[in-house]
Structure formats: structure tokens, C-alpha cells
Amino acid sequence: MEKKLFKCEVCGQILEEGQLEDKCPKCGAPREKFHEMSEEDTAKSLRSEKTNDLHARLIDLTNKLEALADAGIEDNLDPSCVNIFKRAKAKANFLRRLARAEIAGHIAKGKW
């Protein structure tokens, strides 16, 4: 049985058929503002859940890497160590920005 997804035309909240209530849980719009998504959009939304979750996990890991790099910079053992930690921090920041931009792209395409 294929899932039926419904999207709030006011805020973009996506819910499964059994989750629909009288009002949107996000913006409070009435149930009538939810419209069934096309099969294609439903497939894209369901397929992208895994990738979006992976991007969110990547962002979490980059936050942890940056904290670790900060600790190494603060330890300041010697210039070569500090340099590695500074490079790690810069790469973590770069990867986090890429992942956030990708998620934003998914949102703009209705994939989240």
C-alpha cells in the first residue's frame, strides 16, 4: 500500500493521511488547506527523507568536529598541531555550509 501525503498550502507541512487533524500542527491552518500530493511529489518526498536525514547527521558531525578542532587549537601544543586543527575547523565549516545549502535546495524543490 502506497502512502498518501498531504501538504499544507500555507506553510508546506507534509503529513501522512492518518496524521491529518482539524488544523495544521505547524501553522494552524484548517484541514481544507491540505492537498494530496501527486504520486511524483510523494515519491520525491519519501525518497529524500533518507538523504535529508544524512545531511542533518553530517551537520551534527561537523559541529562536533569543529568543537574538537577548537579544543586542539586551545591546547596549542605546537604550530603544526594547531595548523591541523585550524584546517579541520575550516573544512568542517565548509562541509556544514554545503550540507545546509543542499537541504535548502531540497526544501525549495518540495523534497522536505
PDB file of N, CA and C in Angstrom:
ATOM      1  N   MET A   1       0.827  -1.178   0.000  1.00  0.00           N
ATOM      2  CA  MET A   1       0.000   0.000   0.000  1.00  0.00           C
ATOM      3  C   MET A   1       0.880   1.253   0.000  1.00  0.00           C
ATOM      4  N   GLU A   2       0.640   2.119  -0.952  1.00  0.00           N
ATOM      5  CA  GLU A   2       1.424   3.344  -1.064  1.00  0.00           C
ATOM      6  C   GLU A   2       0.924   4.387  -0.077  1.00  0.00           C
ATOM      7  N   LYS A   3       1.860   5.137   0.460  1.00  0.00           N
ATOM      8  CA  LYS A   3       1.498   6.210   1.377  1.00  0.00           C
ATOM      9  C   LYS A   3       0.888   7.360   0.594  1.00  0.00           C
ATOM     10  N   LYS A   4      -0.100   7.994   1.216  1.00  0.00           N
ATOM     11  CA  LYS A   4      -0.656   9.217   0.668  1.00  0.00           C
ATOM     12  C   LYS A   4      -0.161  10.357   1.539  1.00  0.00           C
ATOM     13  N   LEU A   5       0.455  11.350   0.901  1.00  0.00           N
ATOM     14  CA  LEU A   5       0.948  12.502   1.622  1.00  0.00           C
ATOM     15  C   LEU A   5       0.118  13.727   1.270  1.00  0.00           C
ATOM     16  N   PHE A   6      -0.055  14.572   2.268  1.00  0.00           N
ATOM     17  CA  PHE A   6      -0.824  15.804   2.102  1.00  0.00           C
ATOM     18  C   PHE A   6       0.041  16.973   2.544  1.00  0.00           C
ATOM     19  N   LYS A   7      -0.019  18.064   1.777  1.00  0.00           N
ATOM     20  CA  LYS A   7       0.822  19.224   2.042  1.00  0.00           C
ATOM     21  C   LYS A   7      -0.045  20.440   2.341  1.00  0.00           C
ATOM     22  N   CYS A   8       0.313  21.143   3.414  1.00  0.00           N
ATOM     23  CA  CYS A   8      -0.380  22.377   3.773  1.00  0.00           C
ATOM     24  C   CYS A   8       0.040  23.452   2.782  1.00  0.00           C
ATOM     25  N   GLU A   9      -0.930  24.080   2.127  1.00  0.00           N
ATOM     26  CA  GLU A   9      -0.596  25.110   1.144  1.00  0.00           C
ATOM     27  C   GLU A   9      -0.171  26.416   1.805  1.00  0.00           C
ATOM     28  N   VAL A  10      -0.372  26.530   3.117  1.00  0.00           N
ATOM     29  CA  VAL A  10       0.013  27.743   3.831  1.00  0.00           C
ATOM     30  C   VAL A  10       1.489  27.693   4.239  1.00  0.00           C
ATOM     31  N   CYS A  11       1.900  26.611   4.915  1.00  0.00           N
ATOM     32  CA  CYS A  11       3.262  26.552   5.465  1.00  0.00           C
ATOM     33  C   CYS A  11       4.141  25.460   4.862  1.00  0.00           C
ATOM     34  N   GLY A  12       3.558  24.544   4.092  1.00  0.00           N
ATOM     35  CA  GLY A  12       4.356  23.487   3.479  1.00  0.00           C
ATOM     36  C   GLY A  12       4.511  22.224   4.303  1.00  0.00           C
ATOM     37  N   GLN A  13       3.886  22.169   5.478  1.00  0.00           N
ATOM     38  CA  GLN A  13       3.944  20.969   6.326  1.00  0.00           C
ATOM     39  C   GLN A  13       3.406  19.776   5.541  1.00  0.00           C
ATOM     40  N   ILE A  14       4.111  18.656   5.603  1.00  0.00           N
ATOM     41  CA  ILE A  14       3.688  17.440   4.922  1.00  0.00           C
ATOM     42  C   ILE A  14       3.314  16.405   5.969  1.00  0.00           C
ATOM     43  N   LEU A  15       2.132  15.819   5.813  1.00  0.00           N
ATOM     44  CA  LEU A  15       1.638  14.804   6.736  1.00  0.00           C
ATOM     45  C   LEU A  15       1.107  13.610   5.967  1.00  0.00           C
ATOM     46  N   GLU A  16       1.165  12.451   6.620  1.00  0.00           N
ATOM     47  CA  GLU A  16       0.529  11.273   6.050  1.00  0.00           C
ATOM     48  C   GLU A  16      -0.970  11.374   6.295  1.00  0.00           C
ATOM     49  N   GLU A  17      -1.717  10.617   5.522  1.00  0.00           N
ATOM     50  CA  GLU A  17      -3.176  10.680   5.599  1.00  0.00           C
ATOM     51  C   GLU A  17      -3.694  10.512   7.029  1.00  0.00           C
ATOM     52  N   GLY A  18      -3.183   9.566   7.761  1.00  0.00           N
ATOM     53  CA  GLY A  18      -3.645   9.304   9.121  1.00  0.00           C
ATOM     54  C   GLY A  18      -3.238  10.347  10.135  1.00  0.00           C
ATOM     55  N   GLN A  19      -2.357  11.261   9.753  1.00  0.00           N
ATOM     56  CA  GLN A  19      -1.901  12.300  10.670  1.00  0.00           C
ATOM     57  C   GLN A  19      -2.718  13.587  10.573  1.00  0.00           C
ATOM     58  N   LEU A  20      -3.571  13.680   9.567  1.00  0.00           N
ATOM     59  CA  LEU A  20      -4.352  14.898   9.370  1.00  0.00           C
ATOM     60  C   LEU A  20      -5.332  15.102  10.516  1.00  0.00           C
ATOM     61  N   GLU A  21      -5.380  16.323  11.007  1.00  0.00           N
ATOM     62  CA  GLU A  21      -6.322  16.710  12.047  1.00  0.00           C
ATOM     63  C   GLU A  21      -7.132  17.893  11.544  1.00  0.00           C
ATOM     64  N   ASP A  22      -7.885  18.515  12.420  1.00  0.00           N
ATOM     65  CA  ASP A  22      -8.716  19.648  12.023  1.00  0.00           C
ATOM     66  C   ASP A  22      -7.887  20.857  11.598  1.00  0.00           C
ATOM     67  N   LYS A  23      -6.688  20.976  12.184  1.00  0.00           N
ATOM     68  CA  LYS A  23      -5.809  22.105  11.879  1.00  0.00           C
ATOM     69  C   LYS A  23      -4.388  21.616  11.651  1.00  0.00           C
ATOM     70  N   CYS A  24      -3.645  22.393  10.897  1.00  0.00           N
ATOM     71  CA  CYS A  24      -2.231  22.094  10.672  1.00  0.00           C
ATOM     72  C   CYS A  24      -1.490  22.230  11.997  1.00  0.00           C
ATOM     73  N   PRO A  25      -0.692  21.225  12.367  1.00  0.00           N
ATOM     74  CA  PRO A  25       0.025  21.300  13.642  1.00  0.00           C
ATOM     75  C   PRO A  25       1.123  22.371  13.651  1.00  0.00           C
ATOM     76  N   LYS A  26       1.532  22.812  12.472  1.00  0.00           N
ATOM     77  CA  LYS A  26       2.599  23.807  12.398  1.00  0.00           C
ATOM     78  C   LYS A  26       2.055  25.231  12.390  1.00  0.00           C
ATOM     79  N   CYS A  27       1.080  25.527  11.514  1.00  0.00           N
ATOM     80  CA  CYS A  27       0.633  26.911  11.348  1.00  0.00           C
ATOM     81  C   CYS A  27      -0.812  27.156  11.767  1.00  0.00           C
ATOM     82  N   GLY A  28      -1.557  26.080  12.061  1.00  0.00           N
ATOM     83  CA  GLY A  28      -2.935  26.236  12.494  1.00  0.00           C
ATOM     84  C   GLY A  28      -3.949  26.412  11.372  1.00  0.00           C
ATOM     85  N   ALA A  29      -3.499  26.284  10.126  1.00  0.00           N
ATOM     86  CA  ALA A  29      -4.433  26.414   9.003  1.00  0.00           C
ATOM     87  C   ALA A  29      -5.464  25.289   9.061  1.00  0.00           C
ATOM     88  N   PRO A  30      -6.686  25.544   8.579  1.00  0.00           N
ATOM     89  CA  PRO A  30      -7.710  24.497   8.608  1.00  0.00           C
ATOM     90  C   PRO A  30      -7.348  23.333   7.686  1.00  0.00           C
ATOM     91  N   ARG A  31      -7.908  22.188   7.996  1.00  0.00           N
ATOM     92  CA  ARG A  31      -7.643  20.950   7.248  1.00  0.00           C
ATOM     93  C   ARG A  31      -7.848  21.127   5.737  1.00  0.00           C
ATOM     94  N   GLU A  32      -8.765  21.994   5.369  1.00  0.00           N
ATOM     95  CA  GLU A  32      -9.068  22.211   3.954  1.00  0.00           C
ATOM     96  C   GLU A  32      -7.878  22.771   3.178  1.00  0.00           C
ATOM     97  N   LYS A  33      -6.889  23.299   3.891  1.00  0.00           N
ATOM     98  CA  LYS A  33      -5.696  23.853   3.240  1.00  0.00           C
ATOM     99  C   LYS A  33      -4.688  22.763   2.872  1.00  0.00           C
ATOM    100  N   PHE A  34      -4.955  21.531   3.288  1.00  0.00           N
ATOM    101  CA  PHE A  34      -4.093  20.406   2.908  1.00  0.00           C
ATOM    102  C   PHE A  34      -4.589  19.806   1.605  1.00  0.00           C
ATOM    103  N   HIS A  35      -3.647  19.574   0.700  1.00  0.00           N
ATOM    104  CA  HIS A  35      -3.990  18.958  -0.579  1.00  0.00           C
ATOM    105  C   HIS A  35      -3.115  17.730  -0.791  1.00  0.00           C
ATOM    106  N   GLU A  36      -3.710  16.699  -1.352  1.00  0.00           N
ATOM    107  CA  GLU A  36      -2.954  15.471  -1.601  1.00  0.00           C
ATOM    108  C   GLU A  36      -1.847  15.744  -2.610  1.00  0.00           C
ATOM    109  N   MET A  37      -0.668  15.271  -2.297  1.00  0.00           N
ATOM    110  CA  MET A  37       0.468  15.448  -3.197  1.00  0.00           C
ATOM    111  C   MET A  37       0.380  14.449  -4.337  1.00  0.00           C
ATOM    112  N   SER A  38       0.920  14.820  -5.479  1.00  0.00           N
ATOM    113  CA  SER A  38       0.943  13.917  -6.627  1.00  0.00           C
ATOM    114  C   SER A  38       1.815  12.710  -6.307  1.00  0.00           C
ATOM    115  N   GLU A  39       1.648  11.650  -7.069  1.00  0.00           N
ATOM    116  CA  GLU A  39       2.478  10.450  -6.866  1.00  0.00           C
ATOM    117  C   GLU A  39       3.959  10.798  -7.021  1.00  0.00           C
ATOM    118  N   GLU A  40       4.270  11.625  -8.002  1.00  0.00           N
ATOM    119  CA  GLU A  40       5.668  12.002  -8.239  1.00  0.00           C
ATOM    120  C   GLU A  40       6.236  12.787  -7.055  1.00  0.00           C
ATOM    121  N   ASP A  41       5.479  13.777  -6.566  1.00  0.00           N
ATOM    122  CA  ASP A  41       5.948  14.571  -5.430  1.00  0.00           C
ATOM    123  C   ASP A  41       6.027  13.734  -4.154  1.00  0.00           C
ATOM    124  N   THR A  42       5.092  12.822  -3.986  1.00  0.00           N
ATOM    125  CA  THR A  42       5.122  11.921  -2.835  1.00  0.00           C
ATOM    126  C   THR A  42       6.372  11.050  -2.884  1.00  0.00           C
ATOM    127  N   ALA A  43       6.657  10.498  -4.056  1.00  0.00           N
ATOM    128  CA  ALA A  43       7.850   9.649  -4.203  1.00  0.00           C
ATOM    129  C   ALA A  43       9.117  10.436  -3.908  1.00  0.00           C
ATOM    130  N   LYS A  44       9.212  11.674  -4.412  1.00  0.00           N
ATOM    131  CA  LYS A  44      10.378  12.516  -4.154  1.00  0.00           C
ATOM    132  C   LYS A  44      10.521  12.812  -2.666  1.00  0.00           C
ATOM    133  N   SER A  45       9.405  13.117  -2.030  1.00  0.00           N
ATOM    134  CA  SER A  45       9.439  13.446  -0.606  1.00  0.00           C
ATOM    135  C   SER A  45       9.887  12.244   0.226  1.00  0.00           C
ATOM    136  N   LEU A  46       9.318  11.093  -0.067  1.00  0.00           N
ATOM    137  CA  LEU A  46       9.677   9.889   0.694  1.00  0.00           C
ATOM    138  C   LEU A  46      11.123   9.486   0.441  1.00  0.00           C
ATOM    139  N   ARG A  47      11.554   9.572  -0.807  1.00  0.00           N
ATOM    140  CA  ARG A  47      12.919   9.183  -1.154  1.00  0.00           C
ATOM    141  C   ARG A  47      13.938  10.127  -0.516  1.00  0.00           C
ATOM    142  N   SER A  48      13.576  11.401  -0.431  1.00  0.00           N
ATOM    143  CA  SER A  48      14.528  12.375   0.085  1.00  0.00           C
ATOM    144  C   SER A  48      14.660  12.344   1.610  1.00  0.00           C
ATOM    145  N   GLU A  49      13.729  11.684   2.304  1.00  0.00           N
ATOM    146  CA  GLU A  49      13.816  11.633   3.766  1.00  0.00           C
ATOM    147  C   GLU A  49      15.151  11.070   4.236  1.00  0.00           C
ATOM    148  N   LYS A  50      15.599  10.001   3.592  1.00  0.00           N
ATOM    149  CA  LYS A  50      16.873   9.385   3.992  1.00  0.00           C
ATOM    150  C   LYS A  50      18.037  10.348   3.750  1.00  0.00           C
ATOM    151  N   THR A  51      18.079  10.938   2.559  1.00  0.00           N
ATOM    152  CA  THR A  51      19.173  11.848   2.236  1.00  0.00           C
ATOM    153  C   THR A  51      19.166  13.069   3.143  1.00  0.00           C
ATOM    154  N   ASN A  52      17.976  13.624   3.393  1.00  0.00           N
ATOM    155  CA  ASN A  52      17.891  14.790   4.274  1.00  0.00           C
ATOM    156  C   ASN A  52      18.374  14.441   5.677  1.00  0.00           C
ATOM    157  N   ASP A  53      18.015  13.263   6.158  1.00  0.00           N
ATOM    158  CA  ASP A  53      18.490  12.830   7.469  1.00  0.00           C
ATOM    159  C   ASP A  53      20.014  12.668   7.473  1.00  0.00           C
ATOM    160  N   LEU A  54      20.565  12.171   6.385  1.00  0.00           N
ATOM    161  CA  LEU A  54      22.019  12.037   6.292  1.00  0.00           C
ATOM    162  C   LEU A  54      22.691  13.405   6.315  1.00  0.00           C
ATOM    163  N   HIS A  55      22.125  14.361   5.615  1.00  0.00           N
ATOM    164  CA  HIS A  55      22.675  15.722   5.643  1.00  0.00           C
ATOM    165  C   HIS A  55      22.608  16.299   7.055  1.00  0.00           C
ATOM    166  N   ALA A  56      21.502  16.084   7.745  1.00  0.00           N
ATOM    167  CA  ALA A  56      21.372  16.581   9.117  1.00  0.00           C
ATOM    168  C   ALA A  56      22.414  15.929  10.029  1.00  0.00           C
ATOM    169  N   ARG A  57      22.655  14.642   9.830  1.00  0.00           N
ATOM    170  CA  ARG A  57      23.681  13.956  10.629  1.00  0.00           C
ATOM    171  C   ARG A  57      25.068  14.492  10.303  1.00  0.00           C
ATOM    172  N   LEU A  58      25.303  14.792   9.009  1.00  0.00           N
ATOM    173  CA  LEU A  58      26.584  15.367   8.602  1.00  0.00           C
ATOM    174  C   LEU A  58      26.793  16.718   9.284  1.00  0.00           C
ATOM    175  N   ILE A  59      25.748  17.532   9.335  1.00  0.00           N
ATOM    176  CA  ILE A  59      25.844  18.826  10.015  1.00  0.00           C
ATOM    177  C   ILE A  59      26.187  18.620  11.484  1.00  0.00           C
ATOM    178  N   ASP A  60      25.549  17.659  12.130  1.00  0.00           N
ATOM    179  CA  ASP A  60      25.848  17.365  13.526  1.00  0.00           C
ATOM    180  C   ASP A  60      27.305  16.952  13.699  1.00  0.00           C
ATOM    181  N   LEU A  61      27.797  16.117  12.809  1.00  0.00           N
ATOM    182  CA  LEU A  61      29.194  15.683  12.895  1.00  0.00           C
ATOM    183  C   LEU A  61      30.163  16.839  12.676  1.00  0.00           C
ATOM    184  N   THR A  62      29.836  17.745  11.758  1.00  0.00           N
ATOM    185  CA  THR A  62      30.727  18.890  11.535  1.00  0.00           C
ATOM    186  C   THR A  62      30.750  19.802  12.771  1.00  0.00           C
ATOM    187  N   ASN A  63      29.628  19.904  13.461  1.00  0.00           N
ATOM    188  CA  ASN A  63      29.613  20.687  14.709  1.00  0.00           C
ATOM    189  C   ASN A  63      30.533  20.058  15.744  1.00  0.00           C
ATOM    190  N   LYS A  64      30.499  18.737  15.839  1.00  0.00           N
ATOM    191  CA  LYS A  64      31.371  18.030  16.779  1.00  0.00           C
ATOM    192  C   LYS A  64      32.831  18.157  16.374  1.00  0.00           C
ATOM    193  N   LEU A  65      33.097  18.073  15.064  1.00  0.00           N
ATOM    194  CA  LEU A  65      34.472  18.211  14.576  1.00  0.00           C
ATOM    195  C   LEU A  65      35.006  19.612  14.873  1.00  0.00           C
ATOM    196  N   GLU A  66      34.151  20.609  14.691  1.00  0.00           N
ATOM    197  CA  GLU A  66      34.589  21.969  14.979  1.00  0.00           C
ATOM    198  C   GLU A  66      34.910  22.141  16.459  1.00  0.00           C
ATOM    199  N   ALA A  67      34.114  21.568  17.345  1.00  0.00           N
ATOM    200  CA  ALA A  67      34.385  21.652  18.781  1.00  0.00           C
ATOM    201  C   ALA A  67      35.702  20.951  19.126  1.00  0.00           C
ATOM    202  N   LEU A  68      35.940  19.807  18.488  1.00  0.00           N
ATOM    203  CA  LEU A  68      37.189  19.091  18.699  1.00  0.00           C
ATOM    204  C   LEU A  68      38.376  19.920  18.209  1.00  0.00           C
ATOM    205  N   ALA A  69      38.220  20.540  17.044  1.00  0.00           N
ATOM    206  CA  ALA A  69      39.278  21.383  16.499  1.00  0.00           C
ATOM    207  C   ALA A  69      39.551  22.576  17.414  1.00  0.00           C
ATOM    208  N   ASP A  70      38.497  23.170  17.944  1.00  0.00           N
ATOM    209  CA  ASP A  70      38.681  24.286  18.876  1.00  0.00           C
ATOM    210  C   ASP A  70      39.489  23.856  20.098  1.00  0.00           C
ATOM    211  N   ALA A  71      39.209  22.654  20.600  1.00  0.00           N
ATOM    212  CA  ALA A  71      39.960  22.145  21.750  1.00  0.00           C
ATOM    213  C   ALA A  71      41.428  21.965  21.389  1.00  0.00           C
ATOM    214  N   GLY A  72      41.690  21.474  20.184  1.00  0.00           N
ATOM    215  CA  GLY A  72      43.079  21.305  19.751  1.00  0.00           C
ATOM    216  C   GLY A  72      43.787  22.630  19.568  1.00  0.00           C
ATOM    217  N   ILE A  73      43.073  23.620  19.044  1.00  0.00           N
ATOM    218  CA  ILE A  73      43.660  24.959  18.874  1.00  0.00           C
ATOM    219  C   ILE A  73      43.973  25.553  20.247  1.00  0.00           C
ATOM    220  N   GLU A  74      43.044  25.403  21.172  1.00  0.00           N
ATOM    221  CA  GLU A  74      43.230  25.935  22.522  1.00  0.00           C
ATOM    222  C   GLU A  74      44.395  25.247  23.239  1.00  0.00           C
ATOM    223  N   ASP A  75      44.570  23.951  23.000  1.00  0.00           N
ATOM    224  CA  ASP A  75      45.667  23.206  23.629  1.00  0.00           C
ATOM    225  C   ASP A  75      47.018  23.772  23.198  1.00  0.00           C
ATOM    226  N   ASN A  76      47.100  24.167  21.926  1.00  0.00           N
ATOM    227  CA  ASN A  76      48.263  24.896  21.407  1.00  0.00           C
ATOM    228  C   ASN A  76      49.593  24.193  21.687  1.00  0.00           C
ATOM    229  N   LEU A  77      49.638  22.879  21.408  1.00  0.00           N
ATOM    230  CA  LEU A  77      50.863  22.118  21.660  1.00  0.00           C
ATOM    231  C   LEU A  77      52.037  22.652  20.853  1.00  0.00           C
ATOM    232  N   ASP A  78      51.871  22.734  19.556  1.00  0.00           N
ATOM    233  CA  ASP A  78      52.901  23.311  18.709  1.00  0.00           C
ATOM    234  C   ASP A  78      52.256  23.789  17.403  1.00  0.00           C
ATOM    235  N   PRO A  79      52.958  24.599  16.616  1.00  0.00           N
ATOM    236  CA  PRO A  79      52.357  25.198  15.413  1.00  0.00           C
ATOM    237  C   PRO A  79      51.808  24.186  14.410  1.00  0.00           C
ATOM    238  N   SER A  80      52.469  23.053  14.234  1.00  0.00           N
ATOM    239  CA  SER A  80      51.977  22.086  13.246  1.00  0.00           C
ATOM    240  C   SER A  80      50.660  21.443  13.706  1.00  0.00           C
ATOM    241  N   CYS A  81      50.536  21.184  15.002  1.00  0.00           N
ATOM    242  CA  CYS A  81      49.273  20.647  15.539  1.00  0.00           C
ATOM    243  C   CYS A  81      48.156  21.672  15.392  1.00  0.00           C
ATOM    244  N   VAL A  82      48.434  22.896  15.770  1.00  0.00           N
ATOM    245  CA  VAL A  82      47.431  23.954  15.671  1.00  0.00           C
ATOM    246  C   VAL A  82      46.992  24.124  14.230  1.00  0.00           C
ATOM    247  N   ASN A  83      47.936  24.038  13.306  1.00  0.00           N
ATOM    248  CA  ASN A  83      47.605  24.174  11.885  1.00  0.00           C
ATOM    249  C   ASN A  83      46.623  23.087  11.436  1.00  0.00           C
ATOM    250  N   ILE A  84      46.853  21.863  11.865  1.00  0.00           N
ATOM    251  CA  ILE A  84      45.939  20.766  11.508  1.00  0.00           C
ATOM    252  C   ILE A  84      44.550  21.034  12.063  1.00  0.00           C
ATOM    253  N   PHE A  85      44.473  21.458  13.312  1.00  0.00           N
ATOM    254  CA  PHE A  85      43.169  21.732  13.916  1.00  0.00           C
ATOM    255  C   PHE A  85      42.463  22.910  13.229  1.00  0.00           C
ATOM    256  N   LYS A  86      43.230  23.923  12.839  1.00  0.00           N
ATOM    257  CA  LYS A  86      42.635  25.054  12.113  1.00  0.00           C
ATOM    258  C   LYS A  86      42.096  24.605  10.759  1.00  0.00           C
ATOM    259  N   ARG A  87      42.840  23.752  10.086  1.00  0.00           N
ATOM    260  CA  ARG A  87      42.382  23.230   8.787  1.00  0.00           C
ATOM    261  C   ARG A  87      41.134  22.367   8.961  1.00  0.00           C
ATOM    262  N   ALA A  88      41.122  21.558  10.012  1.00  0.00           N
ATOM    263  CA  ALA A  88      39.945  20.718  10.281  1.00  0.00           C
ATOM    264  C   ALA A  88      38.721  21.590  10.556  1.00  0.00           C
ATOM    265  N   LYS A  89      38.897  22.644  11.296  1.00  0.00           N
ATOM    266  CA  LYS A  89      37.787  23.553  11.608  1.00  0.00           C
ATOM    267  C   LYS A  89      37.259  24.208  10.334  1.00  0.00           C
ATOM    268  N   ALA A  90      38.158  24.646   9.467  1.00  0.00           N
ATOM    269  CA  ALA A  90      37.742  25.279   8.209  1.00  0.00           C
ATOM    270  C   ALA A  90      36.997  24.291   7.315  1.00  0.00           C
ATOM    271  N   LYS A  91      37.483  23.062   7.236  1.00  0.00           N
ATOM    272  CA  LYS A  91      36.812  22.040   6.412  1.00  0.00           C
ATOM    273  C   LYS A  91      35.444  21.689   6.983  1.00  0.00           C
ATOM    274  N   ALA A  92      35.343  21.607   8.300  1.00  0.00           N
ATOM    275  CA  ALA A  92      34.053  21.313   8.935  1.00  0.00           C
ATOM    276  C   ALA A  92      33.051  22.414   8.608  1.00  0.00           C
ATOM    277  N   ASN A  93      33.491  23.648   8.699  1.00  0.00           N
ATOM    278  CA  ASN A  93      32.628  24.786   8.381  1.00  0.00           C
ATOM    279  C   ASN A  93      32.175  24.721   6.922  1.00  0.00           C
ATOM    280  N   PHE A  94      33.100  24.424   6.017  1.00  0.00           N
ATOM    281  CA  PHE A  94      32.792  24.319   4.592  1.00  0.00           C
ATOM    282  C   PHE A  94      31.765  23.212   4.326  1.00  0.00           C
ATOM    283  N   LEU A  95      31.988  22.037   4.896  1.00  0.00           N
ATOM    284  CA  LEU A  95      31.062  20.916   4.700  1.00  0.00           C
ATOM    285  C   LEU A  95      29.687  21.206   5.291  1.00  0.00           C
ATOM    286  N   ARG A  96      29.656  21.857   6.443  1.00  0.00           N
ATOM    287  CA  ARG A  96      28.377  22.206   7.063  1.00  0.00           C
ATOM    288  C   ARG A  96      27.586  23.152   6.155  1.00  0.00           C
ATOM    289  N   ARG A  97      28.260  24.128   5.567  1.00  0.00           N
ATOM    290  CA  ARG A  97      27.592  25.060   4.661  1.00  0.00           C
ATOM    291  C   ARG A  97      27.073  24.346   3.414  1.00  0.00           C
ATOM    292  N   LEU A  98      27.841  23.412   2.893  1.00  0.00           N
ATOM    293  CA  LEU A  98      27.381  22.631   1.732  1.00  0.00           C
ATOM    294  C   LEU A  98      26.129  21.829   2.067  1.00  0.00           C
ATOM    295  N   ALA A  99      26.150  21.157   3.202  1.00  0.00           N
ATOM    296  CA  ALA A  99      25.002  20.333   3.600  1.00  0.00           C
ATOM    297  C   ALA A  99      23.769  21.200   3.838  1.00  0.00           C
ATOM    298  N   ARG A 100      23.944  22.346   4.469  1.00  0.00           N
ATOM    299  CA  ARG A 100      22.810  23.248   4.698  1.00  0.00           C
ATOM    300  C   ARG A 100      22.243  23.756   3.369  1.00  0.00           C
ATOM    301  N   ALA A 101      23.122  24.096   2.446  1.00  0.00           N
ATOM    302  CA  ALA A 101      22.667  24.570   1.137  1.00  0.00           C
ATOM    303  C   ALA A 101      21.904  23.474   0.404  1.00  0.00           C
ATOM    304  N   GLU A 102      22.360  22.244   0.526  1.00  0.00           N
ATOM    305  CA  GLU A 102      21.666  21.130  -0.129  1.00  0.00           C
ATOM    306  C   GLU A 102      20.282  20.920   0.475  1.00  0.00           C
ATOM    307  N   ILE A 103      20.189  20.989   1.788  1.00  0.00           N
ATOM    308  CA  ILE A 103      18.883  20.867   2.442  1.00  0.00           C
ATOM    309  C   ILE A 103      17.963  22.001   1.981  1.00  0.00           C
ATOM    310  N   ALA A 104      18.493  23.221   1.917  1.00  0.00           N
ATOM    311  CA  ALA A 104      17.693  24.359   1.452  1.00  0.00           C
ATOM    312  C   ALA A 104      17.198  24.111   0.027  1.00  0.00           C
ATOM    313  N   GLY A 105      18.056  23.530  -0.814  1.00  0.00           N
ATOM    314  CA  GLY A 105      17.653  23.187  -2.173  1.00  0.00           C
ATOM    315  C   GLY A 105      16.545  22.145  -2.186  1.00  0.00           C
ATOM    316  N   HIS A 106      16.644  21.173  -1.311  1.00  0.00           N
ATOM    317  CA  HIS A 106      15.595  20.153  -1.212  1.00  0.00           C
ATOM    318  C   HIS A 106      14.273  20.783  -0.789  1.00  0.00           C
ATOM    319  N   ILE A 107      14.343  21.681   0.167  1.00  0.00           N
ATOM    320  CA  ILE A 107      13.130  22.357   0.638  1.00  0.00           C
ATOM    321  C   ILE A 107      12.505  23.147  -0.506  1.00  0.00           C
ATOM    322  N   ALA A 108      13.330  23.884  -1.244  1.00  0.00           N
ATOM    323  CA  ALA A 108      12.825  24.694  -2.356  1.00  0.00           C
ATOM    324  C   ALA A 108      12.169  23.834  -3.434  1.00  0.00           C
ATOM    325  N   LYS A 109      12.628  22.600  -3.572  1.00  0.00           N
ATOM    326  CA  LYS A 109      12.069  21.685  -4.575  1.00  0.00           C
ATOM    327  C   LYS A 109      10.939  20.824  -4.015  1.00  0.00           C
ATOM    328  N   GLY A 110      10.545  21.109  -2.769  1.00  0.00           N
ATOM    329  CA  GLY A 110       9.467  20.335  -2.152  1.00  0.00           C
ATOM    330  C   GLY A 110       9.858  18.932  -1.759  1.00  0.00           C
ATOM    331  N   LYS A 111      11.145  18.711  -1.542  1.00  0.00           N
ATOM    332  CA  LYS A 111      11.627  17.382  -1.166  1.00  0.00           C
ATOM    333  C   LYS A 111      11.756  17.215   0.342  1.00  0.00           C
ATOM    334  N   TRP A 112      11.220  18.174   1.102  1.00  0.00           N
ATOM    335  CA  TRP A 112      11.257  18.023   2.538  1.00  0.00           C
ATOM    336  C   TRP A 112      10.071  18.718   3.125  1.00  0.00           C
TER     337      TRP A 112
END
